[in-house]
N, C-alpha and C. Protein backbone atom coordinates (compact mmCIF):
# COMPACT_ATOMS: atom_id res chain seq x y z
N MET A 1 10.28 153.64 104.87
CA MET A 1 11.40 152.88 105.40
C MET A 1 10.91 151.57 106.05
N LYS A 2 9.80 151.62 106.75
CA LYS A 2 9.27 150.44 107.41
C LYS A 2 8.86 149.39 106.37
N LYS A 3 8.23 149.84 105.26
CA LYS A 3 7.84 148.91 104.21
C LYS A 3 9.07 148.26 103.60
N PHE A 4 10.14 149.01 103.43
CA PHE A 4 11.38 148.48 102.87
C PHE A 4 11.96 147.41 103.78
N SER A 5 11.93 147.64 105.08
CA SER A 5 12.46 146.66 106.04
C SER A 5 11.64 145.37 106.00
N ILE A 6 10.34 145.51 105.87
CA ILE A 6 9.48 144.33 105.79
C ILE A 6 9.76 143.55 104.51
N LEU A 7 9.96 144.28 103.41
CA LEU A 7 10.28 143.64 102.13
C LEU A 7 11.59 142.88 102.23
N ILE A 8 12.61 143.49 102.79
CA ILE A 8 13.92 142.83 102.96
C ILE A 8 13.78 141.58 103.83
N ALA A 9 13.04 141.69 104.92
CA ALA A 9 12.86 140.55 105.81
C ALA A 9 12.14 139.40 105.09
N THR A 10 11.16 139.73 104.28
CA THR A 10 10.43 138.71 103.52
C THR A 10 11.34 138.02 102.52
N VAL A 11 12.15 138.79 101.81
CA VAL A 11 13.08 138.23 100.84
C VAL A 11 14.10 137.33 101.53
N LEU A 12 14.62 137.78 102.65
CA LEU A 12 15.61 136.97 103.39
C LEU A 12 14.99 135.68 103.89
N LEU A 13 13.76 135.72 104.35
CA LEU A 13 13.09 134.50 104.79
C LEU A 13 12.90 133.54 103.62
N GLY A 14 12.59 134.08 102.46
CA GLY A 14 12.45 133.25 101.26
C GLY A 14 13.74 132.54 100.92
N PHE A 15 14.86 133.26 100.99
CA PHE A 15 16.15 132.66 100.69
C PHE A 15 16.55 131.64 101.76
N SER A 16 16.22 131.92 103.01
CA SER A 16 16.61 130.97 104.06
C SER A 16 15.87 129.65 103.90
N SER A 17 14.63 129.68 103.42
CA SER A 17 13.91 128.43 103.21
C SER A 17 14.52 127.65 102.07
N LEU A 18 15.08 128.33 101.08
CA LEU A 18 15.76 127.65 99.99
C LEU A 18 17.02 126.95 100.46
N SER A 19 17.67 127.53 101.44
CA SER A 19 18.91 126.94 101.92
C SER A 19 18.67 125.62 102.64
N PHE A 20 17.42 125.37 103.07
CA PHE A 20 17.11 124.12 103.74
C PHE A 20 16.78 123.00 102.76
N ALA A 21 16.58 123.36 101.50
CA ALA A 21 16.29 122.33 100.51
C ALA A 21 17.49 121.39 100.42
N ILE A 22 17.21 120.11 100.37
CA ILE A 22 18.28 119.12 100.40
C ILE A 22 17.97 118.04 99.37
N GLY A 23 19.01 117.52 98.77
CA GLY A 23 18.84 116.47 97.78
C GLY A 23 18.92 115.09 98.41
N LEU A 24 18.51 114.09 97.67
CA LEU A 24 18.48 112.72 98.18
C LEU A 24 19.87 112.22 98.55
N ASP A 25 20.84 112.40 97.67
CA ASP A 25 22.19 111.92 97.97
C ASP A 25 22.76 112.57 99.23
N GLU A 26 22.57 113.87 99.33
CA GLU A 26 23.07 114.59 100.51
C GLU A 26 22.35 114.11 101.78
N ALA A 27 21.05 113.89 101.67
CA ALA A 27 20.28 113.42 102.82
C ALA A 27 20.75 112.04 103.28
N LYS A 28 21.05 111.17 102.31
CA LYS A 28 21.55 109.84 102.66
C LYS A 28 22.94 109.94 103.30
N GLN A 29 23.80 110.75 102.72
CA GLN A 29 25.16 110.89 103.24
C GLN A 29 25.18 111.47 104.64
N ASN A 30 24.21 112.33 104.94
CA ASN A 30 24.15 112.97 106.26
C ASN A 30 23.31 112.18 107.27
N GLY A 31 22.87 110.98 106.89
CA GLY A 31 22.12 110.14 107.81
C GLY A 31 20.73 110.66 108.14
N LEU A 32 20.15 111.42 107.22
CA LEU A 32 18.81 111.96 107.44
C LEU A 32 17.72 111.02 106.96
N VAL A 33 18.04 110.23 105.92
CA VAL A 33 17.09 109.29 105.34
C VAL A 33 17.79 107.97 105.07
N GLY A 34 16.99 106.93 104.91
CA GLY A 34 17.54 105.63 104.58
C GLY A 34 16.55 104.83 103.77
N GLU A 35 17.02 103.71 103.27
CA GLU A 35 16.17 102.83 102.46
C GLU A 35 15.43 101.85 103.36
N LYS A 36 14.13 101.70 103.08
CA LYS A 36 13.31 100.76 103.85
C LYS A 36 13.09 99.49 103.04
N ASP A 37 12.72 98.42 103.71
CA ASP A 37 12.50 97.13 103.06
C ASP A 37 11.20 97.07 102.26
N THR A 38 10.53 98.21 102.17
CA THR A 38 9.29 98.32 101.42
C THR A 38 9.51 98.85 100.01
N GLY A 39 10.76 99.24 99.71
CA GLY A 39 11.05 99.84 98.41
C GLY A 39 10.95 101.35 98.44
N TYR A 40 10.71 101.88 99.61
CA TYR A 40 10.55 103.32 99.75
C TYR A 40 11.58 103.88 100.72
N LEU A 41 11.70 105.18 100.69
CA LEU A 41 12.63 105.91 101.54
C LEU A 41 11.99 106.15 102.89
N GLY A 42 12.79 106.19 103.94
CA GLY A 42 12.29 106.50 105.28
C GLY A 42 13.06 107.65 105.89
N ALA A 43 12.40 108.44 106.71
CA ALA A 43 13.04 109.56 107.40
C ALA A 43 13.64 109.07 108.70
N ILE A 44 14.91 109.35 108.88
CA ILE A 44 15.58 109.02 110.14
C ILE A 44 15.45 110.20 111.10
N VAL A 45 15.52 111.39 110.53
CA VAL A 45 15.42 112.64 111.29
C VAL A 45 14.06 113.27 111.01
N ASN A 46 13.35 113.63 112.04
CA ASN A 46 12.01 114.19 111.90
C ASN A 46 12.07 115.71 111.76
N LYS A 47 12.44 116.16 110.56
CA LYS A 47 12.47 117.60 110.24
C LYS A 47 11.58 117.82 109.03
N PRO A 48 10.92 118.96 108.98
CA PRO A 48 9.99 119.22 107.87
C PRO A 48 10.61 119.04 106.48
N GLU A 49 11.82 119.55 106.28
CA GLU A 49 12.43 119.43 104.95
C GLU A 49 12.80 117.99 104.61
N VAL A 50 13.12 117.19 105.62
CA VAL A 50 13.43 115.77 105.41
C VAL A 50 12.14 115.01 105.08
N LEU A 51 11.09 115.28 105.84
CA LEU A 51 9.81 114.63 105.60
C LEU A 51 9.25 114.99 104.23
N GLU A 52 9.45 116.24 103.83
CA GLU A 52 9.00 116.68 102.50
C GLU A 52 9.76 115.94 101.40
N LEU A 53 11.07 115.79 101.58
CA LEU A 53 11.89 115.07 100.61
C LEU A 53 11.43 113.61 100.51
N VAL A 54 11.23 112.97 101.64
CA VAL A 54 10.80 111.57 101.67
C VAL A 54 9.44 111.42 100.98
N THR A 55 8.53 112.29 101.27
CA THR A 55 7.19 112.25 100.64
C THR A 55 7.30 112.41 99.13
N GLU A 56 8.10 113.37 98.70
CA GLU A 56 8.26 113.63 97.27
C GLU A 56 8.91 112.45 96.54
N ILE A 57 9.99 111.93 97.09
CA ILE A 57 10.70 110.80 96.48
C ILE A 57 9.80 109.56 96.44
N ASN A 58 9.12 109.29 97.55
CA ASN A 58 8.26 108.10 97.61
C ASN A 58 7.09 108.18 96.63
N ALA A 59 6.55 109.36 96.43
CA ALA A 59 5.46 109.53 95.45
C ALA A 59 5.97 109.23 94.05
N LYS A 60 7.16 109.71 93.74
CA LYS A 60 7.75 109.45 92.42
C LYS A 60 8.06 107.97 92.25
N ARG A 61 8.61 107.35 93.29
CA ARG A 61 8.91 105.92 93.23
C ARG A 61 7.63 105.12 93.00
N ARG A 62 6.59 105.47 93.74
CA ARG A 62 5.33 104.72 93.62
C ARG A 62 4.78 104.79 92.20
N GLU A 63 4.88 105.94 91.57
CA GLU A 63 4.40 106.07 90.19
C GLU A 63 5.20 105.17 89.24
N VAL A 64 6.51 105.15 89.41
CA VAL A 64 7.37 104.29 88.58
C VAL A 64 7.04 102.82 88.84
N TYR A 65 6.89 102.47 90.12
CA TYR A 65 6.57 101.09 90.47
C TYR A 65 5.25 100.65 89.86
N LYS A 66 4.25 101.54 89.90
CA LYS A 66 2.94 101.23 89.32
C LYS A 66 3.06 100.96 87.82
N GLU A 67 3.83 101.82 87.15
CA GLU A 67 4.04 101.66 85.71
C GLU A 67 4.72 100.33 85.40
N LEU A 68 5.75 100.00 86.18
CA LEU A 68 6.48 98.75 85.97
C LEU A 68 5.57 97.54 86.23
N ALA A 69 4.76 97.62 87.26
CA ALA A 69 3.85 96.52 87.57
C ALA A 69 2.86 96.31 86.43
N ALA A 70 2.29 97.38 85.95
CA ALA A 70 1.32 97.28 84.85
C ALA A 70 1.98 96.76 83.58
N LYS A 71 3.15 97.28 83.29
CA LYS A 71 3.87 96.89 82.07
C LYS A 71 4.24 95.42 82.08
N ASN A 72 4.58 94.90 83.26
CA ASN A 72 5.03 93.52 83.39
C ASN A 72 3.95 92.57 83.90
N ASN A 73 2.74 93.10 84.05
CA ASN A 73 1.60 92.31 84.50
C ASN A 73 1.88 91.57 85.82
N ILE A 74 2.44 92.33 86.77
CA ILE A 74 2.71 91.78 88.10
C ILE A 74 2.13 92.73 89.14
N LYS A 75 2.12 92.29 90.38
CA LYS A 75 1.57 93.10 91.46
C LYS A 75 2.53 94.22 91.85
N LEU A 76 1.96 95.32 92.31
CA LEU A 76 2.76 96.44 92.81
C LEU A 76 3.69 95.97 93.92
N SER A 77 3.20 95.12 94.80
CA SER A 77 4.01 94.63 95.93
C SER A 77 5.26 93.87 95.45
N GLN A 78 5.16 93.21 94.31
CA GLN A 78 6.31 92.50 93.77
C GLN A 78 7.38 93.49 93.29
N VAL A 79 6.94 94.55 92.65
CA VAL A 79 7.88 95.58 92.19
C VAL A 79 8.53 96.25 93.39
N GLU A 80 7.74 96.56 94.41
CA GLU A 80 8.28 97.20 95.61
C GLU A 80 9.35 96.33 96.27
N LEU A 81 9.09 95.03 96.34
CA LEU A 81 10.05 94.10 96.94
C LEU A 81 11.35 94.05 96.14
N LEU A 82 11.22 93.97 94.83
CA LEU A 82 12.41 93.96 93.97
C LEU A 82 13.18 95.27 94.08
N ALA A 83 12.45 96.37 94.14
CA ALA A 83 13.10 97.69 94.27
C ALA A 83 13.84 97.80 95.60
N ALA A 84 13.24 97.27 96.65
CA ALA A 84 13.90 97.30 97.97
C ALA A 84 15.20 96.52 97.95
N LYS A 85 15.17 95.32 97.35
CA LYS A 85 16.38 94.50 97.27
C LYS A 85 17.48 95.23 96.51
N LYS A 86 17.10 95.85 95.39
CA LYS A 86 18.08 96.58 94.58
C LYS A 86 18.62 97.79 95.35
N ALA A 87 17.74 98.50 96.04
CA ALA A 87 18.16 99.68 96.81
C ALA A 87 19.12 99.28 97.94
N TYR A 88 18.85 98.15 98.59
CA TYR A 88 19.72 97.68 99.66
C TYR A 88 21.10 97.34 99.11
N GLN A 89 21.13 96.72 97.94
CA GLN A 89 22.41 96.36 97.32
C GLN A 89 23.20 97.61 96.93
N LYS A 90 22.50 98.63 96.45
CA LYS A 90 23.15 99.84 95.97
C LYS A 90 23.55 100.81 97.08
N THR A 91 22.99 100.61 98.27
CA THR A 91 23.29 101.52 99.38
C THR A 91 24.76 101.38 99.75
N VAL A 92 25.44 102.51 99.84
CA VAL A 92 26.88 102.49 100.14
C VAL A 92 27.12 102.40 101.64
N SER A 93 28.29 101.95 101.98
CA SER A 93 28.70 101.82 103.37
C SER A 93 28.57 103.17 104.08
N GLY A 94 28.02 103.11 105.30
CA GLY A 94 27.85 104.33 106.08
C GLY A 94 26.46 104.92 105.98
N GLN A 95 25.68 104.45 105.03
CA GLN A 95 24.31 104.93 104.90
C GLN A 95 23.36 103.94 105.59
N TYR A 96 22.11 104.37 105.78
CA TYR A 96 21.19 103.60 106.61
C TYR A 96 20.20 102.74 105.82
N LEU A 97 19.92 101.57 106.43
CA LEU A 97 18.92 100.64 105.94
C LEU A 97 18.00 100.28 107.10
N TRP A 98 16.74 99.99 106.78
CA TRP A 98 15.76 99.56 107.78
C TRP A 98 15.84 98.05 107.88
N VAL A 99 16.32 97.55 109.01
CA VAL A 99 16.51 96.11 109.20
C VAL A 99 15.86 95.70 110.52
N ASN A 100 14.94 94.74 110.44
CA ASN A 100 14.27 94.21 111.63
C ASN A 100 13.68 95.32 112.51
N GLY A 101 13.06 96.30 111.89
CA GLY A 101 12.37 97.34 112.63
C GLY A 101 13.22 98.46 113.19
N GLU A 102 14.47 98.57 112.72
CA GLU A 102 15.31 99.67 113.19
C GLU A 102 16.30 100.09 112.12
N TRP A 103 16.81 101.32 112.25
CA TRP A 103 17.80 101.83 111.31
C TRP A 103 19.18 101.28 111.64
N VAL A 104 19.83 100.73 110.63
CA VAL A 104 21.16 100.14 110.79
C VAL A 104 22.08 100.74 109.72
N LYS A 105 23.27 101.11 110.15
CA LYS A 105 24.26 101.62 109.22
C LYS A 105 24.87 100.47 108.45
N LYS A 106 24.92 100.61 107.14
CA LYS A 106 25.50 99.55 106.31
C LYS A 106 27.01 99.56 106.44
């Protein structure tokens, strides 16, 4: 019986960690993350699942940016700047942008 209780507790803990998984759109809508002027995502809320999302998204963005820079024979920093401008334009009202060193609601 004790082994069964431990097994159930382990399974429930596994499911509870899944419930914390959050997507980018949801994170933006809930004010957990925002777009930075670097072309990358920033965490507004310092929670492990938010930081994990930001790290994952930024790694993927960086890979795409590197490919675009190489393909177009330009610097990575140029791609990042262009991506930031596009992200700022696409950010919907009520979501956050990094402006002059602070988070500002668009």
